[in-house]
């Protein structure tokens, strides 16, 4: 392949991230802190949550205004490596 890899995403854009973790106190706040570190204008009040059918897990959707692939990659990396997070889509 010649040249840099072309992105299918046009920046800037609003990008929804799904974050899954155990339903434990502080999960939403912890995720909001990670997202705000990469996107300071992110409004944590916009995080939507949905418990699993058993209530053991919690799904959080964060729609983040991203301006570059580098920003999105760094955000995904930090969320994925967070100890409270099981998976990020």
N, C-alpha and C. Protein backbone atom coordinates (compact mmCIF):
# COMPACT_ATOMS: atom_id res chain seq x y z
N UNK A 1 0.85 -1.19 0.00
CA UNK A 1 0.00 0.00 0.00
C UNK A 1 0.89 1.24 0.00
N UNK A 2 0.63 2.17 -0.85
CA UNK A 2 1.42 3.39 -0.94
C UNK A 2 0.79 4.49 -0.11
N UNK A 3 1.63 5.24 0.61
CA UNK A 3 1.16 6.38 1.37
C UNK A 3 0.47 5.96 2.65
N UNK A 4 0.03 6.97 3.43
CA UNK A 4 -0.64 6.67 4.70
C UNK A 4 -1.99 6.00 4.46
N UNK A 5 -2.37 5.20 5.43
CA UNK A 5 -3.66 4.50 5.35
C UNK A 5 -4.79 5.51 5.38
N UNK A 6 -5.71 5.39 4.44
CA UNK A 6 -6.85 6.32 4.38
C UNK A 6 -7.91 5.92 5.40
N UNK A 7 -8.39 6.90 6.13
CA UNK A 7 -9.41 6.66 7.15
C UNK A 7 -10.80 6.71 6.52
N UNK A 8 -11.69 5.87 7.01
CA UNK A 8 -13.07 5.89 6.56
C UNK A 8 -13.88 6.94 7.31
N UNK A 9 -13.27 7.50 8.34
CA UNK A 9 -13.93 8.51 9.17
C UNK A 9 -13.43 9.88 8.75
N UNK A 10 -14.35 10.81 8.59
CA UNK A 10 -13.97 12.19 8.30
C UNK A 10 -13.99 12.97 9.59
N UNK A 11 -12.87 13.63 9.88
CA UNK A 11 -12.73 14.40 11.12
C UNK A 11 -12.90 15.88 10.83
N UNK A 12 -13.42 16.64 11.78
CA UNK A 12 -13.97 16.21 13.08
C UNK A 12 -15.34 15.57 12.90
N UNK A 13 -15.70 14.74 13.90
CA UNK A 13 -17.01 14.09 13.88
C UNK A 13 -17.41 13.69 15.30
N UNK A 14 -18.69 13.44 15.46
CA UNK A 14 -19.20 12.92 16.73
C UNK A 14 -19.13 11.40 16.63
N UNK A 15 -18.37 10.78 17.53
CA UNK A 15 -18.10 9.35 17.45
C UNK A 15 -18.64 8.64 18.69
N UNK A 16 -19.59 7.72 18.53
CA UNK A 16 -20.11 7.00 19.70
C UNK A 16 -19.18 5.85 20.11
N UNK A 17 -18.83 5.82 21.37
CA UNK A 17 -18.03 4.74 21.93
C UNK A 17 -18.88 3.97 22.92
N UNK A 18 -18.88 2.65 22.82
CA UNK A 18 -19.58 1.78 23.77
C UNK A 18 -18.54 1.22 24.71
N UNK A 19 -18.74 1.42 25.99
CA UNK A 19 -17.81 0.94 27.01
C UNK A 19 -18.57 -0.01 27.91
N UNK A 20 -18.00 -1.21 28.12
CA UNK A 20 -18.64 -2.23 28.95
C UNK A 20 -17.76 -2.51 30.17
N UNK A 21 -18.41 -2.59 31.32
CA UNK A 21 -17.68 -2.92 32.54
C UNK A 21 -18.62 -3.51 33.56
N UNK A 22 -18.04 -3.98 34.68
CA UNK A 22 -18.88 -4.47 35.76
C UNK A 22 -19.68 -3.31 36.33
N UNK A 23 -20.93 -3.56 36.69
CA UNK A 23 -21.80 -2.53 37.26
C UNK A 23 -21.35 -2.29 38.70
N UNK A 24 -20.40 -1.39 38.87
CA UNK A 24 -19.90 -1.08 40.20
C UNK A 24 -19.88 0.43 40.40
N UNK A 25 -19.96 0.88 41.64
CA UNK A 25 -19.96 2.32 41.90
C UNK A 25 -18.71 2.98 41.31
N UNK A 26 -18.92 4.12 40.70
CA UNK A 26 -17.81 4.90 40.17
C UNK A 26 -17.45 4.63 38.73
N UNK A 27 -18.07 3.64 38.09
CA UNK A 27 -17.72 3.32 36.71
C UNK A 27 -17.97 4.50 35.77
N UNK A 28 -19.15 5.07 35.85
CA UNK A 28 -19.50 6.18 34.95
C UNK A 28 -18.55 7.36 35.15
N UNK A 29 -18.26 7.68 36.40
CA UNK A 29 -17.38 8.80 36.70
C UNK A 29 -15.96 8.53 36.19
N UNK A 30 -15.49 7.30 36.36
CA UNK A 30 -14.15 6.95 35.91
C UNK A 30 -14.04 7.07 34.39
N UNK A 31 -15.05 6.60 33.68
CA UNK A 31 -15.05 6.68 32.23
C UNK A 31 -15.11 8.13 31.78
N UNK A 32 -15.92 8.93 32.45
CA UNK A 32 -16.02 10.35 32.11
C UNK A 32 -14.67 11.05 32.27
N UNK A 33 -13.92 10.70 33.31
CA UNK A 33 -12.60 11.31 33.52
C UNK A 33 -11.64 10.95 32.38
N UNK A 34 -11.66 9.70 31.94
CA UNK A 34 -10.78 9.28 30.85
C UNK A 34 -11.16 10.02 29.57
N UNK A 35 -12.44 10.07 29.27
CA UNK A 35 -12.88 10.74 28.04
C UNK A 35 -12.53 12.23 28.09
N UNK A 36 -12.77 12.87 29.21
CA UNK A 36 -12.48 14.31 29.34
C UNK A 36 -10.99 14.61 29.22
N UNK A 37 -10.15 13.66 29.58
CA UNK A 37 -8.70 13.86 29.43
C UNK A 37 -8.32 13.98 27.95
N UNK A 38 -9.08 13.35 27.09
CA UNK A 38 -8.80 13.38 25.65
C UNK A 38 -9.67 14.37 24.89
N UNK A 39 -10.83 14.67 25.44
CA UNK A 39 -11.78 15.60 24.81
C UNK A 39 -12.36 16.49 25.90
N UNK A 40 -11.63 17.55 26.29
CA UNK A 40 -12.03 18.39 27.43
C UNK A 40 -13.44 18.98 27.33
N UNK A 41 -13.96 19.13 26.10
CA UNK A 41 -15.29 19.70 25.94
C UNK A 41 -16.40 18.67 26.12
N UNK A 42 -16.04 17.41 26.35
CA UNK A 42 -17.03 16.34 26.52
C UNK A 42 -17.91 16.62 27.73
N UNK A 43 -19.22 16.47 27.55
CA UNK A 43 -20.18 16.68 28.63
C UNK A 43 -20.60 15.31 29.17
N UNK A 44 -20.13 14.98 30.37
CA UNK A 44 -20.42 13.69 30.97
C UNK A 44 -21.91 13.46 31.20
N UNK A 45 -22.70 14.53 31.22
CA UNK A 45 -24.14 14.38 31.40
C UNK A 45 -24.77 13.66 30.20
N UNK A 46 -24.04 13.61 29.08
CA UNK A 46 -24.55 12.95 27.89
C UNK A 46 -24.29 11.45 27.84
N UNK A 47 -23.63 10.90 28.85
CA UNK A 47 -23.37 9.46 28.87
C UNK A 47 -24.68 8.73 29.14
N UNK A 48 -24.99 7.76 28.28
CA UNK A 48 -26.18 6.94 28.53
C UNK A 48 -25.71 5.58 29.04
N UNK A 49 -26.50 5.02 29.95
CA UNK A 49 -26.13 3.74 30.55
C UNK A 49 -27.26 2.73 30.36
N UNK A 50 -26.84 1.47 30.32
CA UNK A 50 -27.82 0.39 30.20
C UNK A 50 -27.27 -0.84 30.92
N UNK A 51 -28.00 -1.32 31.92
CA UNK A 51 -27.54 -2.52 32.62
C UNK A 51 -27.79 -3.78 31.80
N UNK A 52 -26.98 -4.80 32.05
CA UNK A 52 -27.23 -6.10 31.40
C UNK A 52 -28.48 -6.72 32.01
N UNK A 53 -28.97 -7.77 31.41
CA UNK A 53 -30.20 -8.41 31.90
C UNK A 53 -30.03 -8.94 33.32
N UNK A 54 -28.82 -9.31 33.70
CA UNK A 54 -28.58 -9.81 35.05
C UNK A 54 -28.20 -8.69 36.01
N UNK A 55 -27.88 -7.51 35.47
CA UNK A 55 -27.47 -6.40 36.30
C UNK A 55 -26.01 -6.46 36.71
N UNK A 56 -25.29 -7.44 36.22
CA UNK A 56 -23.88 -7.60 36.59
C UNK A 56 -22.98 -6.63 35.81
N UNK A 57 -23.37 -6.31 34.58
CA UNK A 57 -22.56 -5.43 33.73
C UNK A 57 -23.33 -4.17 33.40
N UNK A 58 -22.57 -3.16 32.99
CA UNK A 58 -23.16 -1.90 32.59
C UNK A 58 -22.54 -1.48 31.27
N UNK A 59 -23.38 -1.06 30.35
CA UNK A 59 -22.93 -0.54 29.06
C UNK A 59 -23.09 0.98 29.09
N UNK A 60 -22.04 1.67 28.73
CA UNK A 60 -22.07 3.13 28.68
C UNK A 60 -21.83 3.56 27.25
N UNK A 61 -22.61 4.51 26.77
CA UNK A 61 -22.39 5.08 25.45
C UNK A 61 -21.96 6.52 25.63
N UNK A 62 -20.78 6.83 25.09
CA UNK A 62 -20.23 8.18 25.15
C UNK A 62 -20.05 8.67 23.72
N UNK A 63 -20.75 9.71 23.36
CA UNK A 63 -20.58 10.29 22.03
C UNK A 63 -19.60 11.45 22.16
N UNK A 64 -18.44 11.26 21.52
CA UNK A 64 -17.32 12.17 21.70
C UNK A 64 -17.03 12.89 20.39
N UNK A 65 -16.79 14.18 20.47
CA UNK A 65 -16.37 14.96 19.29
C UNK A 65 -14.87 14.73 19.13
N UNK A 66 -14.49 13.99 18.10
CA UNK A 66 -13.08 13.69 17.86
C UNK A 66 -12.59 14.49 16.65
N UNK A 67 -11.34 14.90 16.73
CA UNK A 67 -10.79 15.76 15.69
C UNK A 67 -9.71 15.07 14.86
N UNK A 68 -9.26 13.89 15.30
CA UNK A 68 -8.22 13.19 14.54
C UNK A 68 -8.23 11.70 14.88
N UNK A 69 -7.62 10.93 14.01
CA UNK A 69 -7.49 9.49 14.27
C UNK A 69 -6.59 9.25 15.49
N UNK A 70 -5.56 10.07 15.61
CA UNK A 70 -4.65 9.94 16.75
C UNK A 70 -5.41 10.13 18.08
N UNK A 71 -6.26 11.13 18.14
CA UNK A 71 -7.06 11.38 19.35
C UNK A 71 -7.95 10.18 19.64
N UNK A 72 -8.62 9.66 18.62
CA UNK A 72 -9.52 8.52 18.80
C UNK A 72 -8.75 7.28 19.23
N UNK A 73 -7.61 7.02 18.61
CA UNK A 73 -6.79 5.86 18.98
C UNK A 73 -6.31 5.96 20.43
N UNK A 74 -5.86 7.13 20.83
CA UNK A 74 -5.39 7.32 22.21
C UNK A 74 -6.52 7.14 23.22
N UNK A 75 -7.68 7.68 22.89
CA UNK A 75 -8.84 7.53 23.76
C UNK A 75 -9.24 6.06 23.88
N UNK A 76 -9.32 5.37 22.76
CA UNK A 76 -9.67 3.94 22.77
C UNK A 76 -8.64 3.15 23.58
N UNK A 77 -7.38 3.45 23.41
CA UNK A 77 -6.31 2.74 24.14
C UNK A 77 -6.45 2.95 25.66
N UNK A 78 -6.68 4.19 26.06
CA UNK A 78 -6.82 4.47 27.50
C UNK A 78 -8.07 3.84 28.10
N UNK A 79 -9.16 3.87 27.35
CA UNK A 79 -10.39 3.23 27.86
C UNK A 79 -10.20 1.72 27.95
N UNK A 80 -9.62 1.12 26.93
CA UNK A 80 -9.43 -0.34 26.90
C UNK A 80 -8.53 -0.84 28.01
N UNK A 81 -7.57 -0.03 28.42
CA UNK A 81 -6.63 -0.46 29.45
C UNK A 81 -7.08 -0.10 30.87
N UNK A 82 -8.22 0.59 31.00
CA UNK A 82 -8.71 0.97 32.32
C UNK A 82 -9.13 -0.29 33.08
N UNK A 83 -8.77 -0.42 34.35
CA UNK A 83 -9.08 -1.64 35.11
C UNK A 83 -10.57 -1.93 35.30
N UNK A 84 -11.43 -0.93 35.18
CA UNK A 84 -12.86 -1.15 35.36
C UNK A 84 -13.55 -1.55 34.06
N UNK A 85 -12.83 -1.47 32.94
CA UNK A 85 -13.41 -1.70 31.62
C UNK A 85 -13.12 -3.12 31.14
N UNK A 86 -14.15 -3.78 30.63
CA UNK A 86 -14.00 -5.12 30.06
C UNK A 86 -13.85 -5.07 28.54
N UNK A 87 -14.53 -4.12 27.89
CA UNK A 87 -14.49 -4.05 26.43
C UNK A 87 -14.92 -2.66 25.97
N UNK A 88 -14.34 -2.23 24.83
CA UNK A 88 -14.72 -0.96 24.21
C UNK A 88 -15.01 -1.23 22.74
N UNK A 89 -16.13 -0.73 22.26
CA UNK A 89 -16.48 -0.87 20.83
C UNK A 89 -16.65 0.52 20.24
